[in-house]
Amino acid sequence: MRDLLDAPCGWGRLVPAFGSRVERVTLVDLDPERLDLVERLGLSRGASRVRADLLALPLRSGAFDFVLSAHLNYHLPTRAARIAHFEECLRVARRAVLLSVHSPLSPRRALRGLGSPLRSRPPMRTLSTGLARATARERGFALEEVFTLSRFSGHRYLFFRARA
């Protein structure tokens, strides 16, 4: 794998896990303070840093072997925005995408849904595996694996690979 895109990069904690397996890293975040923090912590490994909205990445299609997008999708307020975010990840990916989502079928979502009217909290924002699979298929990717981080919260990583 030559090129890795970490979008959003947050404070860069996931990039070191890839070690020497990548040649070039591009870190994207909307928050300039996050991009600066990655540099100050020494986690950028000489990466390119780009400040951008992840729903409209200023990057060419198919520019990266691997796109990592962790801990953003379920913060987006609408289903349309969550799908648009995933579509952008697929657009700039050449070979693979790893996307973190919350499942609509989790116990945490059910409990939060019951308590939301009482506590003025919005329901958990989710993206179903089926919808993600269909979206990826339309763009030439296939869902290869689902990594469940927590059955209670429904937090999972979906791994997609470009079809040959």
C-alpha atoms as a PDB file:
ATOM      1  CA  MET A   1       0.000   0.000   0.000  1.00  0.00           C
ATOM      2  CA  ARG A   2       1.565   3.260  -1.080  1.00  0.00           C
ATOM      3  CA  ASP A   3      -0.877   6.041  -0.232  1.00  0.00           C
ATOM      4  CA  LEU A   4      -2.991   6.371   2.915  1.00  0.00           C
ATOM      5  CA  LEU A   5      -5.668   8.988   3.521  1.00  0.00           C
ATOM      6  CA  ASP A   6      -6.769   9.459   7.141  1.00  0.00           C
ATOM      7  CA  ALA A   7      -9.910  11.571   7.033  1.00  0.00           C
ATOM      8  CA  PRO A   8     -10.693  12.887   9.558  1.00  0.00           C
ATOM      9  CA  CYS A   9      -7.319  12.473  11.177  1.00  0.00           C
ATOM     10  CA  GLY A  10      -8.324  13.811  14.599  1.00  0.00           C
ATOM     11  CA  TRP A  11      -5.104  13.877  16.565  1.00  0.00           C
ATOM     12  CA  GLY A  12      -3.480  11.228  14.377  1.00  0.00           C
ATOM     13  CA  ARG A  13      -3.587   8.263  16.717  1.00  0.00           C
ATOM     14  CA  LEU A  14      -4.355   5.699  13.997  1.00  0.00           C
ATOM     15  CA  VAL A  15      -1.591   6.504  11.492  1.00  0.00           C
ATOM     16  CA  PRO A  16       1.263   4.947  13.526  1.00  0.00           C
ATOM     17  CA  ALA A  17      -0.540   1.592  13.372  1.00  0.00           C
ATOM     18  CA  PHE A  18       0.305   1.415   9.677  1.00  0.00           C
ATOM     19  CA  GLY A  19       4.032   1.825  10.341  1.00  0.00           C
ATOM     20  CA  SER A  20       6.251   1.274   7.339  1.00  0.00           C
ATOM     21  CA  ARG A  21       3.449  -0.304   5.295  1.00  0.00           C
ATOM     22  CA  VAL A  22       2.665   3.041   3.669  1.00  0.00           C
ATOM     23  CA  GLU A  23       4.893   5.395   1.729  1.00  0.00           C
ATOM     24  CA  ARG A  24       2.746   8.531   1.792  1.00  0.00           C
ATOM     25  CA  VAL A  25       0.177   9.708   4.285  1.00  0.00           C
ATOM     26  CA  THR A  26      -2.338  12.508   3.838  1.00  0.00           C
ATOM     27  CA  LEU A  27      -4.158  13.775   6.905  1.00  0.00           C
ATOM     28  CA  VAL A  28      -7.430  15.621   6.431  1.00  0.00           C
ATOM     29  CA  ASP A  29      -9.476  17.402   9.051  1.00  0.00           C
ATOM     30  CA  LEU A  30     -11.822  20.369   9.048  1.00  0.00           C
ATOM     31  CA  ASP A  31     -10.329  21.640  12.310  1.00  0.00           C
ATOM     32  CA  PRO A  32      -6.944  23.369  11.795  1.00  0.00           C
ATOM     33  CA  GLU A  33      -6.126  22.877  15.476  1.00  0.00           C
ATOM     34  CA  ARG A  34      -6.336  19.099  15.006  1.00  0.00           C
ATOM     35  CA  LEU A  35      -3.919  19.260  12.097  1.00  0.00           C
ATOM     36  CA  ASP A  36      -1.508  21.346  14.172  1.00  0.00           C
ATOM     37  CA  LEU A  37      -1.834  18.963  17.123  1.00  0.00           C
ATOM     38  CA  VAL A  38      -0.865  15.974  14.956  1.00  0.00           C
ATOM     39  CA  GLU A  39       2.290  17.844  13.961  1.00  0.00           C
ATOM     40  CA  ARG A  40       3.119  18.900  17.547  1.00  0.00           C
ATOM     41  CA  LEU A  41       2.673  15.331  18.814  1.00  0.00           C
ATOM     42  CA  GLY A  42       5.046  14.070  16.129  1.00  0.00           C
ATOM     43  CA  LEU A  43       2.436  11.697  14.722  1.00  0.00           C
ATOM     44  CA  SER A  44       2.314  13.098  11.220  1.00  0.00           C
ATOM     45  CA  ARG A  45       5.392  11.172   9.977  1.00  0.00           C
ATOM     46  CA  GLY A  46       5.993  13.874   7.379  1.00  0.00           C
ATOM     47  CA  ALA A  47       2.432  13.538   6.140  1.00  0.00           C
ATOM     48  CA  SER A  48       0.696  16.071   3.965  1.00  0.00           C
ATOM     49  CA  ARG A  49      -1.962  17.931   5.910  1.00  0.00           C
ATOM     50  CA  VAL A  50      -5.131  19.238   4.279  1.00  0.00           C
ATOM     51  CA  ARG A  51      -7.881  21.272   5.903  1.00  0.00           C
ATOM     52  CA  ALA A  52     -11.122  20.285   4.193  1.00  0.00           C
ATOM     53  CA  ASP A  53     -14.766  19.380   4.547  1.00  0.00           C
ATOM     54  CA  LEU A  54     -15.046  15.607   4.319  1.00  0.00           C
ATOM     55  CA  LEU A  55     -18.274  15.858   2.345  1.00  0.00           C
ATOM     56  CA  ALA A  56     -16.406  17.600  -0.488  1.00  0.00           C
ATOM     57  CA  LEU A  57     -12.766  16.520  -0.464  1.00  0.00           C
ATOM     58  CA  PRO A  58     -10.501  18.646  -2.662  1.00  0.00           C
ATOM     59  CA  LEU A  59      -8.691  15.492  -3.805  1.00  0.00           C
ATOM     60  CA  ARG A  60      -8.722  13.690  -7.119  1.00  0.00           C
ATOM     61  CA  SER A  61     -10.720  10.511  -7.589  1.00  0.00           C
ATOM     62  CA  GLY A  62      -8.788   7.311  -6.973  1.00  0.00           C
ATOM     63  CA  ALA A  63      -5.847   9.173  -5.434  1.00  0.00           C
ATOM     64  CA  PHE A  64      -5.273   6.809  -2.476  1.00  0.00           C
ATOM     65  CA  ASP A  65      -4.655   3.093  -2.128  1.00  0.00           C
ATOM     66  CA  PHE A  66      -6.332   3.091   1.272  1.00  0.00           C
ATOM     67  CA  VAL A  67      -8.831   5.471   2.887  1.00  0.00           C
ATOM     68  CA  LEU A  68      -9.395   5.363   6.627  1.00  0.00           C
ATOM     69  CA  SER A  69     -12.357   7.245   8.062  1.00  0.00           C
ATOM     70  CA  ALA A  70     -12.862   6.619  11.745  1.00  0.00           C
ATOM     71  CA  HIS A  71     -15.184   8.243  14.254  1.00  0.00           C
ATOM     72  CA  LEU A  72     -16.911  10.733  11.967  1.00  0.00           C
ATOM     73  CA  ASN A  73     -19.797   9.125  10.132  1.00  0.00           C
ATOM     74  CA  TYR A  74     -22.061   8.796  13.171  1.00  0.00           C
ATOM     75  CA  HIS A  75     -21.512  12.447  14.076  1.00  0.00           C
ATOM     76  CA  LEU A  76     -23.026  13.661  10.808  1.00  0.00           C
ATOM     77  CA  PRO A  77     -26.575  14.932  11.394  1.00  0.00           C
ATOM     78  CA  THR A  78     -28.470  13.392   8.486  1.00  0.00           C
ATOM     79  CA  ARG A  79     -28.569  10.090   6.667  1.00  0.00           C
ATOM     80  CA  ALA A  80     -27.837  11.967   3.429  1.00  0.00           C
ATOM     81  CA  ALA A  81     -24.687  13.471   4.960  1.00  0.00           C
ATOM     82  CA  ARG A  82     -23.538  10.064   6.250  1.00  0.00           C
ATOM     83  CA  ILE A  83     -23.974   8.563   2.785  1.00  0.00           C
ATOM     84  CA  ALA A  84     -22.276  11.557   1.118  1.00  0.00           C
ATOM     85  CA  HIS A  85     -19.319  11.167   3.481  1.00  0.00           C
ATOM     86  CA  PHE A  86     -18.988   7.473   2.626  1.00  0.00           C
ATOM     87  CA  GLU A  87     -19.311   8.206  -1.101  1.00  0.00           C
ATOM     88  CA  GLU A  88     -16.449  10.713  -0.848  1.00  0.00           C
ATOM     89  CA  CYS A  89     -14.284   8.066   0.836  1.00  0.00           C
ATOM     90  CA  LEU A  90     -15.076   5.646  -1.989  1.00  0.00           C
ATOM     91  CA  ARG A  91     -14.455   8.304  -4.643  1.00  0.00           C
ATOM     92  CA  VAL A  92     -10.897   9.065  -3.543  1.00  0.00           C
ATOM     93  CA  ALA A  93     -10.023   5.407  -2.830  1.00  0.00           C
ATOM     94  CA  ARG A  94      -8.266   3.282  -5.387  1.00  0.00           C
ATOM     95  CA  ARG A  95      -8.130  -0.053  -3.515  1.00  0.00           C
ATOM     96  CA  ALA A  96      -9.738  -0.066  -0.061  1.00  0.00           C
ATOM     97  CA  VAL A  97     -11.803   1.861   2.502  1.00  0.00           C
ATOM     98  CA  LEU A  98     -12.127   1.279   6.243  1.00  0.00           C
ATOM     99  CA  LEU A  99     -15.143   3.144   7.641  1.00  0.00           C
ATOM    100  CA  SER A 100     -16.396   3.251  11.224  1.00  0.00           C
ATOM    101  CA  VAL A 101     -20.158   3.355  11.764  1.00  0.00           C
ATOM    102  CA  HIS A 102     -22.773   2.620  14.391  1.00  0.00           C
ATOM    103  CA  SER A 103     -25.247  -0.116  13.606  1.00  0.00           C
ATOM    104  CA  PRO A 104     -28.955   0.735  13.729  1.00  0.00           C
ATOM    105  CA  LEU A 105     -29.568  -2.620  15.453  1.00  0.00           C
ATOM    106  CA  SER A 106     -27.521  -2.050  18.618  1.00  0.00           C
ATOM    107  CA  PRO A 107     -28.914  -2.231  22.170  1.00  0.00           C
ATOM    108  CA  ARG A 108     -27.364   1.180  22.909  1.00  0.00           C
ATOM    109  CA  ARG A 109     -29.309   2.755  20.060  1.00  0.00           C
ATOM    110  CA  ALA A 110     -32.541   1.190  21.293  1.00  0.00           C
ATOM    111  CA  LEU A 111     -31.982   2.405  24.856  1.00  0.00           C
ATOM    112  CA  ARG A 112     -30.929   5.864  23.727  1.00  0.00           C
ATOM    113  CA  GLY A 113     -33.985   6.074  21.505  1.00  0.00           C
ATOM    114  CA  LEU A 114     -36.225   5.379  24.468  1.00  0.00           C
ATOM    115  CA  GLY A 115     -34.524   7.994  26.622  1.00  0.00           C
ATOM    116  CA  SER A 116     -34.017  10.679  23.998  1.00  0.00           C
ATOM    117  CA  PRO A 117     -37.356  12.465  24.428  1.00  0.00           C
ATOM    118  CA  LEU A 118     -36.776  12.616  28.172  1.00  0.00           C
ATOM    119  CA  ARG A 119     -33.227  13.932  27.975  1.00  0.00           C
ATOM    120  CA  SER A 120     -33.394  16.068  24.823  1.00  0.00           C
ATOM    121  CA  ARG A 121     -30.745  13.930  23.143  1.00  0.00           C
ATOM    122  CA  PRO A 122     -30.940  13.139  19.460  1.00  0.00           C
ATOM    123  CA  PRO A 123     -31.184   9.479  18.497  1.00  0.00           C
ATOM    124  CA  MET A 124     -27.907   7.749  17.617  1.00  0.00           C
ATOM    125  CA  ARG A 125     -26.883   8.381  14.059  1.00  0.00           C
ATOM    126  CA  THR A 126     -26.274   5.171  12.177  1.00  0.00           C
ATOM    127  CA  LEU A 127     -25.437   3.690   8.812  1.00  0.00           C
ATOM    128  CA  SER A 128     -26.617   0.144   8.190  1.00  0.00           C
ATOM    129  CA  THR A 129     -24.265  -2.437   6.789  1.00  0.00           C
ATOM    130  CA  GLY A 130     -26.795  -3.169   4.029  1.00  0.00           C
ATOM    131  CA  LEU A 131     -26.963   0.448   2.890  1.00  0.00           C
ATOM    132  CA  ALA A 132     -23.170   0.763   3.049  1.00  0.00           C
ATOM    133  CA  ARG A 133     -22.796  -2.452   1.033  1.00  0.00           C
ATOM    134  CA  ALA A 134     -25.216  -1.223  -1.664  1.00  0.00           C
ATOM    135  CA  THR A 135     -23.558   2.210  -1.828  1.00  0.00           C
ATOM    136  CA  ALA A 136     -20.141   0.606  -2.198  1.00  0.00           C
ATOM    137  CA  ARG A 137     -21.358  -1.828  -4.858  1.00  0.00           C
ATOM    138  CA  GLU A 138     -22.633   1.075  -6.977  1.00  0.00           C
ATOM    139  CA  ARG A 139     -19.113   2.517  -6.906  1.00  0.00           C
ATOM    140  CA  GLY A 140     -17.204  -0.671  -7.666  1.00  0.00           C
ATOM    141  CA  PHE A 141     -16.360  -1.776  -4.111  1.00  0.00           C
ATOM    142  CA  ALA A 142     -17.361  -4.861  -2.152  1.00  0.00           C
ATOM    143  CA  LEU A 143     -17.787  -5.268   1.590  1.00  0.00           C
ATOM    144  CA  GLU A 144     -15.146  -7.776   2.663  1.00  0.00           C
ATOM    145  CA  GLU A 145     -15.310  -7.750   6.430  1.00  0.00           C
ATOM    146  CA  VAL A 146     -17.124  -6.277   9.407  1.00  0.00           C
ATOM    147  CA  PHE A 147     -15.137  -5.737  12.600  1.00  0.00           C
ATOM    148  CA  THR A 148     -17.458  -5.319  15.576  1.00  0.00           C
ATOM    149  CA  LEU A 149     -15.841  -3.251  18.322  1.00  0.00           C
ATOM    150  CA  SER A 150     -18.814  -3.407  20.689  1.00  0.00           C
ATOM    151  CA  ARG A 151     -22.012  -5.402  20.408  1.00  0.00           C
ATOM    152  CA  PHE A 152     -23.692  -3.087  22.924  1.00  0.00           C
ATOM    153  CA  SER A 153     -22.886   0.198  21.179  1.00  0.00           C
ATOM    154  CA  GLY A 154     -22.993  -1.230  17.668  1.00  0.00           C
ATOM    155  CA  HIS A 155     -19.686   0.467  16.865  1.00  0.00           C
ATOM    156  CA  ARG A 156     -18.071  -1.350  13.985  1.00  0.00           C
ATOM    157  CA  TYR A 157     -15.573  -0.959  11.189  1.00  0.00           C
ATOM    158  CA  LEU A 158     -16.603  -1.893   7.659  1.00  0.00           C
ATOM    159  CA  PHE A 159     -13.794  -2.902   5.291  1.00  0.00           C
ATOM    160  CA  PHE A 160     -14.371  -2.461   1.551  1.00  0.00           C
ATOM    161  CA  ARG A 161     -12.103  -3.470  -1.312  1.00  0.00           C
ATOM    162  CA  ALA A 162     -12.305  -2.379  -4.938  1.00  0.00           C
ATOM    163  CA  ARG A 163     -13.626  -5.129  -7.168  1.00  0.00           C
ATOM    164  CA  ALA A 164     -11.222  -6.327  -9.846  1.00  0.00           C
END
